[in-house]
Structure formats: C-alpha cells, structure tokens
Protein backbone atom coordinates (compact mmCIF):
# COMPACT_ATOMS: atom_id res chain seq x y z
CA MET A 1 96.87 37.63 105.31
CA HIS A 2 96.78 41.22 106.53
CA ILE A 3 99.00 43.90 105.02
CA TYR A 4 100.09 47.02 106.90
CA VAL A 5 102.47 49.72 105.71
CA VAL A 6 105.19 51.27 107.86
CA THR A 7 108.20 53.41 107.10
CA ASP A 8 111.78 52.55 107.96
CA THR A 9 114.33 55.01 109.33
CA LEU A 10 115.13 56.24 105.81
CA GLY A 11 111.53 56.88 104.89
CA ARG A 12 111.22 53.86 102.56
CA MET A 13 107.93 51.99 102.53
CA LYS A 14 107.90 48.49 103.98
CA ASP A 15 105.14 45.88 103.97
CA THR A 16 104.62 44.14 107.29
CA GLN A 17 102.64 40.92 107.33
CA TYR A 18 101.09 38.65 109.87
CA SER A 19 98.77 35.70 109.51
CA ASP A 20 97.17 32.68 111.18
CA VAL A 21 95.69 34.71 114.02
CA LYS A 22 93.85 32.52 116.53
CA THR A 23 92.23 33.49 119.82
CA LYS A 24 91.11 31.35 122.73
CA LYS A 25 89.12 32.44 125.79
CA LEU A 26 90.74 31.35 129.03
CA ASP A 27 89.47 31.35 132.59
CA GLY A 28 89.87 34.39 134.79
CA SER A 29 89.39 37.21 132.23
CA GLU A 30 92.30 36.12 130.05
CA TYR A 31 92.77 35.36 126.35
CA GLU A 32 95.37 33.38 124.45
CA ILE A 33 96.38 34.78 121.07
CA SER A 34 98.62 33.02 118.58
CA ALA A 35 99.87 34.34 115.25
CA THR A 36 102.66 34.14 112.69
CA ILE A 37 104.78 37.12 111.67
CA SER A 38 106.27 36.96 108.20
CA ALA A 39 109.92 36.13 107.58
CA GLU A 40 110.21 39.37 105.60
CA LEU A 41 109.18 41.48 108.57
CA LEU A 42 111.45 39.58 110.94
CA THR A 43 114.37 40.07 108.52
CA TYR A 44 113.60 43.78 108.34
CA TYR A 45 113.71 44.07 112.12
CA ARG A 46 116.80 41.86 112.34
CA LYS A 47 118.69 44.52 110.39
CA LYS A 48 117.38 47.21 112.72
CA ALA A 49 118.26 45.09 115.74
CA ILE A 50 121.86 44.69 114.53
CA LYS A 51 122.15 48.44 114.06
CA ASN A 52 120.51 49.09 117.43
CA LEU A 53 122.71 46.67 119.34
CA GLY A 54 125.85 47.66 117.46
CA SER A 55 125.58 51.29 118.50
CA ASP A 56 126.76 50.43 122.03
CA VAL A 57 129.17 47.56 121.35
CA GLU A 58 132.90 48.17 121.70
CA VAL A 59 135.27 45.95 119.73
CA PRO A 60 139.03 46.69 119.75
CA GLY A 61 140.07 48.42 116.55
CA PHE A 62 136.58 49.72 115.66
CA ARG A 63 134.53 52.74 116.66
CA LYS A 64 131.09 52.26 118.20
CA GLY A 65 128.51 51.78 115.46
CA HIS A 66 131.15 50.82 112.87
CA VAL A 67 131.80 47.20 113.76
CA PRO A 68 131.39 44.83 110.74
CA GLU A 69 128.15 42.88 110.93
CA ASP A 70 129.65 39.40 111.06
CA MET A 71 132.09 40.45 113.77
CA LEU A 72 129.31 42.17 115.71
CA ILE A 73 127.08 39.09 115.61
CA GLY A 74 130.00 36.93 116.68
CA HIS A 75 130.58 39.28 119.60
CA ILE A 76 127.00 39.55 120.91
CA GLY A 77 125.54 36.29 119.62
CA GLU A 78 122.89 35.48 117.02
CA SER A 79 120.32 34.58 119.68
CA LYS A 80 120.49 38.07 121.20
CA VAL A 81 120.06 39.65 117.77
CA MET A 82 117.02 37.50 116.98
CA GLU A 83 115.50 38.12 120.38
CA ARG A 84 115.76 41.86 119.88
CA ALA A 85 114.36 41.56 116.35
CA ALA A 86 111.42 39.52 117.65
CA ASN A 87 110.66 42.09 120.34
CA MET A 88 110.73 44.92 117.80
CA ALA A 89 108.48 43.01 115.38
CA LEU A 90 106.03 42.17 118.15
CA ALA A 91 105.92 45.79 119.27
CA GLU A 92 104.83 46.69 115.72
CA VAL A 93 102.37 43.87 115.08
CA TYR A 94 100.85 42.84 118.42
CA PRO A 95 98.84 46.06 119.00
CA LYS A 96 97.35 45.74 115.50
CA ILE A 97 96.33 42.15 116.16
CA ILE A 98 94.67 43.16 119.44
CA THR A 99 92.73 45.86 117.61
CA GLU A 100 91.68 43.51 114.82
CA VAL A 101 90.36 40.76 117.07
CA LYS A 102 88.65 43.40 119.27
CA ILE A 103 90.15 42.26 122.57
CA ASP A 104 90.13 44.89 125.33
CA ALA A 105 93.58 43.96 126.58
CA ILE A 106 94.98 45.46 129.77
CA GLY A 107 98.48 45.26 131.18
CA ALA A 108 101.46 43.70 129.42
CA PRO A 109 100.97 40.34 127.66
CA LYS A 110 102.93 37.22 128.55
CA ILE A 111 104.53 36.20 125.26
CA GLN A 112 106.08 32.85 124.35
CA LEU A 113 108.08 32.58 121.13
CA THR A 114 107.29 29.18 119.65
CA LYS A 115 109.44 29.56 116.53
CA LEU A 116 112.31 31.98 116.01
CA ALA A 117 115.02 31.57 113.39
CA ASP A 118 116.65 33.82 110.83
CA GLY A 119 114.95 33.60 107.44
CA ASN A 120 111.82 31.95 108.87
CA PRO A 121 108.44 33.27 110.03
CA LEU A 122 108.14 34.14 113.71
CA GLU A 123 105.46 32.22 115.58
CA PHE A 124 104.29 33.28 119.00
CA THR A 125 101.60 32.80 121.60
CA ALA A 126 100.50 35.65 123.86
CA THR A 127 98.42 35.44 127.00
CA THR A 128 96.77 38.71 127.86
CA ALA A 129 94.42 39.91 130.55
CA VAL A 130 91.22 41.63 129.46
CA MET A 131 89.09 44.11 131.30
CA PRO A 132 87.19 42.02 133.85
CA GLU A 133 83.65 42.58 134.99
CA ILE A 134 83.69 45.25 137.69
CA LYS A 135 80.85 46.07 140.04
CA LEU A 136 82.18 49.34 141.33
CA ALA A 137 81.17 50.67 144.72
CA ASP A 138 79.58 54.11 145.05
CA TYR A 139 82.95 55.84 145.07
CA SER A 140 81.48 59.35 145.18
CA LYS A 141 79.53 58.56 148.34
CA ILE A 142 82.53 56.90 149.97
CA ALA A 143 84.89 59.75 149.09
CA LYS A 144 82.46 62.43 150.23
CA LYS A 145 82.00 60.77 153.61
CA ILE A 146 85.74 60.43 154.23
CA PHE A 147 87.02 63.72 152.83
CA SER A 148 84.26 65.78 154.44
CA LYS A 149 85.61 64.98 157.91
CA GLU A 150 86.75 68.23 159.50
CA GLU A 151 90.26 68.15 160.86
CA THR A 152 91.94 70.71 163.12
CA PHE A 153 95.69 71.17 162.97
CA GLU A 154 97.92 73.12 165.31
CA VAL A 155 101.60 73.44 166.08
CA LYS A 156 102.46 73.61 169.75
CA ASP A 157 105.26 75.89 170.90
CA GLU A 158 107.33 72.91 172.07
CA GLU A 159 107.06 71.27 168.62
CA LEU A 160 108.17 74.49 166.96
CA LYS A 161 111.10 74.76 169.35
CA GLU A 162 112.24 71.19 168.58
CA THR A 163 112.02 71.82 164.83
CA LEU A 164 114.03 75.03 165.09
CA THR A 165 116.70 73.24 167.14
CA HIS A 166 116.85 70.48 164.50
CA ILE A 167 117.33 73.06 161.73
CA ARG A 168 120.12 74.79 163.67
CA ARG A 169 121.85 71.44 164.30
CA GLN A 170 121.65 70.51 160.60
CA ARG A 171 123.20 73.83 159.61
CA SER A 172 126.04 73.37 162.09
CA GLN A 173 126.67 69.81 160.83
CA ALA A 174 126.68 70.96 157.19
CA GLU A 175 129.17 73.73 157.94
CA SER A 176 131.42 71.28 159.78
CA TYR A 177 131.32 68.81 156.87
CA GLU A 178 132.09 71.54 154.33
CA GLN A 179 134.99 72.80 156.45
CA GLN A 180 136.46 69.30 156.59
CA GLN A 181 136.31 69.13 152.80
CA LYS A 182 138.08 72.51 152.51
CA ASP A 183 140.75 71.31 154.94
CA GLY A 184 141.41 68.28 152.75
CA VAL A 185 140.06 65.67 155.13
CA GLU A 186 140.02 62.41 153.15
CA HIS A 187 136.87 61.01 154.75
CA PRO A 188 134.81 63.88 156.19
CA THR A 189 132.16 62.92 158.73
CA VAL A 190 128.94 64.47 160.01
CA PRO A 191 129.57 65.27 163.67
CA GLU A 192 127.17 64.76 166.56
CA ILE A 193 126.15 68.14 167.95
CA LYS A 194 124.45 68.60 171.30
CA ASN A 195 121.52 70.98 171.70
CA GLU A 196 123.58 73.38 173.79
CA ASP A 197 126.17 73.65 171.00
CA VAL A 198 123.84 74.57 168.12
CA PRO A 199 124.13 78.10 166.66
CA GLU A 200 122.09 80.78 168.36
CA LEU A 201 118.83 81.65 166.60
CA THR A 202 119.34 85.28 165.61
CA ASP A 203 118.18 87.58 162.83
CA GLU A 204 121.61 87.24 161.24
CA PHE A 205 121.40 83.44 161.35
CA VAL A 206 117.93 83.14 159.74
CA GLN A 207 118.97 85.56 157.00
CA THR A 208 121.49 82.92 155.86
CA LEU A 209 118.67 80.39 155.47
CA GLY A 210 116.57 82.24 152.91
CA ASP A 211 114.47 85.32 152.32
CA PHE A 212 113.94 86.12 156.00
CA LYS A 213 114.63 89.34 157.89
CA THR A 214 113.90 88.40 161.47
CA VAL A 215 113.61 85.34 163.70
CA LYS A 216 109.88 86.03 163.90
CA ASP A 217 109.56 85.77 160.10
CA PHE A 218 111.45 82.49 160.12
CA GLU A 219 109.41 80.99 162.96
CA ALA A 220 106.18 81.90 161.17
CA LYS A 221 107.36 80.15 158.00
CA VAL A 222 108.48 77.03 159.87
CA ARG A 223 105.13 76.86 161.67
CA GLU A 224 103.35 77.23 158.31
CA ASN A 225 105.44 74.43 156.78
CA ILE A 226 104.69 72.07 159.68
CA LEU A 227 100.96 72.73 159.28
CA GLU A 228 101.14 72.18 155.53
CA GLU A 229 102.98 68.90 155.98
CA ARG A 230 100.32 67.68 158.40
CA LYS A 231 97.54 68.61 156.00
CA LEU A 232 99.28 66.68 153.22
CA ARG A 233 99.69 63.65 155.50
CA ASP A 234 96.00 63.87 156.36
CA ILE A 235 95.04 63.95 152.68
CA GLU A 236 97.26 60.94 152.01
CA LYS A 237 95.69 59.10 154.95
CA LYS A 238 92.20 59.85 153.61
CA ARG A 239 93.19 58.77 150.11
CA ILE A 240 94.30 55.40 151.46
CA GLU A 241 91.13 55.06 153.54
CA THR A 242 88.99 55.94 150.51
CA VAL A 243 90.57 53.49 148.06
CA GLU A 244 90.62 50.68 150.62
CA LYS A 245 86.89 51.20 151.20
CA ILE A 246 86.18 51.30 147.45
CA ILE A 247 88.20 48.11 146.95
CA ALA A 248 86.41 46.38 149.83
CA ASP A 249 82.94 47.35 148.55
CA SER A 250 83.63 46.59 144.86
CA LYS A 251 83.50 43.22 143.13
CA ILE A 252 86.36 42.55 140.70
CA GLU A 253 87.43 39.28 139.08
CA LEU A 254 91.11 40.11 138.87
CA PRO A 255 93.00 38.22 136.11
CA ASN A 256 95.86 36.08 137.42
CA LEU A 257 98.15 37.63 134.84
CA LEU A 258 97.70 41.07 136.42
CA ILE A 259 98.46 39.64 139.86
CA ASP A 260 101.65 38.05 138.50
CA GLN A 261 102.69 41.37 136.93
CA GLU A 262 102.17 43.22 140.21
CA ILE A 263 104.22 40.58 142.04
CA ALA A 264 106.97 41.06 139.45
CA ARG A 265 106.90 44.82 140.08
CA ILE A 266 107.19 44.27 143.83
CA GLN A 267 110.18 41.98 143.25
CA THR A 268 111.83 44.49 140.90
CA GLN A 269 111.49 47.21 143.51
CA LEU A 270 112.86 44.92 146.22
CA GLU A 271 115.87 44.02 144.08
CA ALA A 272 116.53 47.71 143.40
CA ASP A 273 116.37 48.52 147.11
CA ILE A 274 118.65 45.59 147.95
CA ALA A 275 121.14 46.64 145.27
CA LYS A 276 121.47 50.07 146.90
CA THR A 277 122.80 48.38 150.03
CA GLY A 278 125.31 46.36 148.03
CA THR A 279 123.48 43.11 148.78
CA LYS A 280 122.34 40.44 146.32
CA LEU A 281 118.86 38.93 146.22
CA GLU A 282 120.31 35.50 147.11
CA ASP A 283 121.83 36.91 150.30
CA TYR A 284 118.60 38.66 151.21
CA LEU A 285 116.64 35.42 150.81
CA LYS A 286 119.08 33.67 153.12
CA ASN A 287 118.72 36.41 155.73
CA VAL A 288 114.90 36.22 155.74
CA ASP A 289 115.04 32.42 155.43
CA LYS A 290 112.58 32.27 152.54
CA THR A 291 112.55 31.27 148.89
CA ILE A 292 111.46 33.68 146.20
CA GLU A 293 108.37 31.52 145.69
CA GLU A 294 107.44 31.94 149.36
CA LEU A 295 107.86 35.70 149.04
CA HIS A 296 105.58 35.66 146.01
CA ILE A 297 102.90 34.03 148.16
CA ASP A 298 103.46 36.66 150.87
CA TRP A 299 103.15 39.45 148.31
CA LYS A 300 99.99 38.15 146.65
CA PRO A 301 97.47 40.05 148.85
CA GLU A 302 99.33 43.32 148.23
CA ALA A 303 99.59 42.52 144.51
CA GLU A 304 95.84 41.88 144.34
CA LYS A 305 95.15 45.18 146.10
CA ARG A 306 97.41 47.07 143.69
CA GLY A 307 95.83 45.42 140.66
CA LYS A 308 92.30 46.17 141.84
CA LEU A 309 93.23 49.75 142.68
CA GLN A 310 94.57 50.41 139.19
CA LEU A 311 91.47 48.92 137.56
CA ILE A 312 89.27 51.04 139.83
CA LEU A 313 91.20 54.22 139.04
CA ASN A 314 91.02 53.44 135.31
CA THR A 315 87.26 52.83 135.52
CA ILE A 316 86.62 56.06 137.42
CA SER A 317 88.70 58.01 134.91
CA LYS A 318 86.58 56.62 132.07
CA GLU A 319 83.29 57.28 133.81
CA GLN A 320 84.28 60.82 134.72
CA ASN A 321 86.10 61.49 131.42
CA ILE A 322 89.34 62.30 133.26
CA THR A 323 92.25 62.67 130.83
CA PRO A 324 95.63 64.38 131.27
CA VAL A 325 96.34 67.44 129.14
CA GLU A 326 98.57 66.42 126.22
CA GLU A 327 100.83 69.47 126.58
CA GLU A 328 101.53 68.60 130.23
CA VAL A 329 102.16 64.96 129.35
CA GLN A 330 104.62 65.86 126.60
CA LYS A 331 106.39 68.34 128.87
CA GLU A 332 106.93 65.62 131.48
CA ILE A 333 108.07 63.14 128.80
CA ASP A 334 110.66 65.65 127.57
CA HIS A 335 111.83 66.17 131.14
CA VAL A 336 112.32 62.42 131.67
CA LYS A 337 114.11 62.09 128.33
CA GLU A 338 116.61 64.74 129.44
CA HIS A 339 117.67 62.51 132.33
CA TYR A 340 117.20 59.14 130.55
CA PRO A 341 117.87 59.79 126.84
CA ASP A 342 118.00 56.07 125.99
CA ALA A 343 114.60 55.28 127.52
CA ASP A 344 111.79 54.22 125.18
CA GLU A 345 109.49 57.21 124.68
CA GLU A 346 106.36 55.08 124.39
CA ASN A 347 107.08 53.43 127.75
CA ILE A 348 107.67 56.86 129.27
CA ARG A 349 104.36 58.08 127.84
CA VAL A 350 102.43 55.16 129.34
CA TYR A 351 104.01 55.82 132.73
CA VAL A 352 103.46 59.60 132.64
CA GLU A 353 99.86 59.34 131.42
CA SER A 354 99.03 56.72 134.04
CA THR A 355 100.63 58.70 136.87
CA LYS A 356 98.94 61.96 135.91
CA ARG A 357 95.57 60.28 135.36
CA ASN A 358 95.73 58.57 138.75
CA GLU A 359 96.54 61.87 140.46
CA MET A 360 93.62 63.54 138.68
CA VAL A 361 91.27 60.78 139.86
CA PHE A 362 92.45 61.25 143.45
CA LYS A 363 91.87 65.01 143.14
CA PHE A 364 88.38 64.30 141.84
CA LEU A 365 87.66 62.07 144.84
CA GLU A 366 88.98 64.71 147.23
CA ASN A 367 86.69 67.37 145.80
CA VAL A 368 83.63 65.25 144.99
CA GLY A 369 81.65 66.67 147.91
CA GLU A 370 82.31 70.33 147.16
C-alpha cells in the first residue's frame, strides 16, 4: 500500500491510499492500468463533492450552499455525488500511479469504474495511450525549403478602391442601424446600400474612422493592412504545407485511443456549431443522412492527422527545448479565469501551455533557415 499526504480545504492533513496497482501492455502503444482507491479517500472526496455540488443547487426555502445534506442528496441523487467523488479522487491519485509505474502517458485516459459505492473502496481500470515510436522527418530541412520561398505581394488600385467602398458601405449601414435603434424601431435591420449611395470619401469622413488626417493617410493604412493580411495568409499556407510534409515523411504508430479522442473533439465542435444555429445533432444527422458512427469513420483521417501533428509538435518542442514562459502562461490563465471563473485552472493551464508551445514551434519552423 502506498501512502501520500494531501491537505484539505481547511489545511488539515489527510492520508490518501491506493493499492493493487496492475499494468498490462496492450497493442498500439496503449497500456491498461487497474487499481483500488481506499474507502477512506473516497469518503473524503464524497464530502467535498457534496459541498461542491451543493454550492449551485437551489432548493425552495434554502439559500445556495446551505441545503441540508440529506435533502441535497435526495435532490441531485446519490449516483451523481459518487460520480463526482470518484472523479475528484482519480484526479488526485491517477497521476501518482502513472508516475510510480513509469508510464509515459499522453492524452486523457479512458477510465472505467468497476466498483463504486459509498463506504467501499473504489476500483477502476484505465486505458491510456503512451508515447509511440516516432521516426521524425527532417523537419528543419522541410521548413527551410518551404519558408525560404520568396513571395511578392502587391495591392492593385482596383482592389484598394473596392475595399474603400466596402468600408464606406459598412459605416453607412452601421449609422442606419444605430439610427433605427434611437428611433425606437423594434426590430432594426441592416439595409442594403448601393455603391452610388455610400458616403463620399473625404478628409472629414476618414477622421471619424480613427487617427487619420487626410484621405491619403487612410488609403495608405488600408493598403498596408491588405498587404499584412496577405502575408499572414501566406505564412498560414506555408505552415500547413510544412506540417503536412512532415507528417507524410514521418513514421508514427498512432494509438487508437488518441484517434478516438480527436474524433470526440471533432464531434464536440460540430455539436457546438450546430447548437449556435438552434439545431440538434439528431436533426443534423437526418439532414446529412448519416449516423454518428458513419461520421466517425469520415472523420478518422482528419483525426489521425491531428493526432500525428500534436505528437510531432510535442517532439520538436522537446528536441529544441521550446517551453512557454511561466509568467506569460499565468497571465493568460488569469485572463481566461476572468471570463470563466468556474473553469478548472489545471485544465486551463494545459490548454494555454499547449497552445503557446505549439505557436512557439511554428515560429521556430518559420525562422529555422535564418
């Protein structure tokens, strides 16, 4: 039995225990891990789960966070309490087990609770992907060849004219919409405005758009912005070309678990996009005449590409010792917490570190030939 010490929210010392750890090598760079978490630890987290869940539950006659425990459990259900307790206990214990058995786990594990009941030990089985063997292509050579291509960008007078007309039309539409709101129109609309009806481009007009004195100043800035946007699109195009070439020339035995996780992410994004239109997933499936299983098959090539890309970026970051600056990471975490105060900080950290590290790797690839 292995003993670890943690502190509860009041600073009191608590013993956490786990035992019966077993590991089994599976095919495809995956491991199965089973273990038992003590009843004492599960009970400890059950109390925290009740407090955690109770903070948001509303019961007539009681303030949030002050609902009696038996009434709270009756309201939300014992199974939900135990599920939350199990997740909290696993979050504490699972990383320690991974460290002890020296498994280089990547991605989120697939966990099955085999025994979960109040007053009893928690038994679980986890399937996790491990870092597969990677024969990485010569990414420096590939990146240098692609990013060293000289590109020439220009903005033709006709393009500039069209952009300026578009800006003038947008300003006229915005003013019309705002005027409708001031006039008390119940459902203001954005009107269609013909080119001949857009405001005249004058010094006075451009001065309302920002720190500009003359039309010439404004035209120069618009031309500069168009060029900058094209340069950014070119960099993005070269990034895609570079990673696709690295993926094609590398050999990676991608664990099935990682592919499944990428498919799940694609589905989550699809459901979020569908929800914005007020449509349900079931309706979408009917419209495209496919089952969710058929979509999973369709998404598999993209999921494999995403999984390989992340492994490649992680490997390059290790080889080149690319690590985000902690102060910048924490600053971004604090920014996210301002907008999503209930979000788990550790999950935010993983996301922020991964995003910043990936961007740093791309910057490295862009500049490798300099």
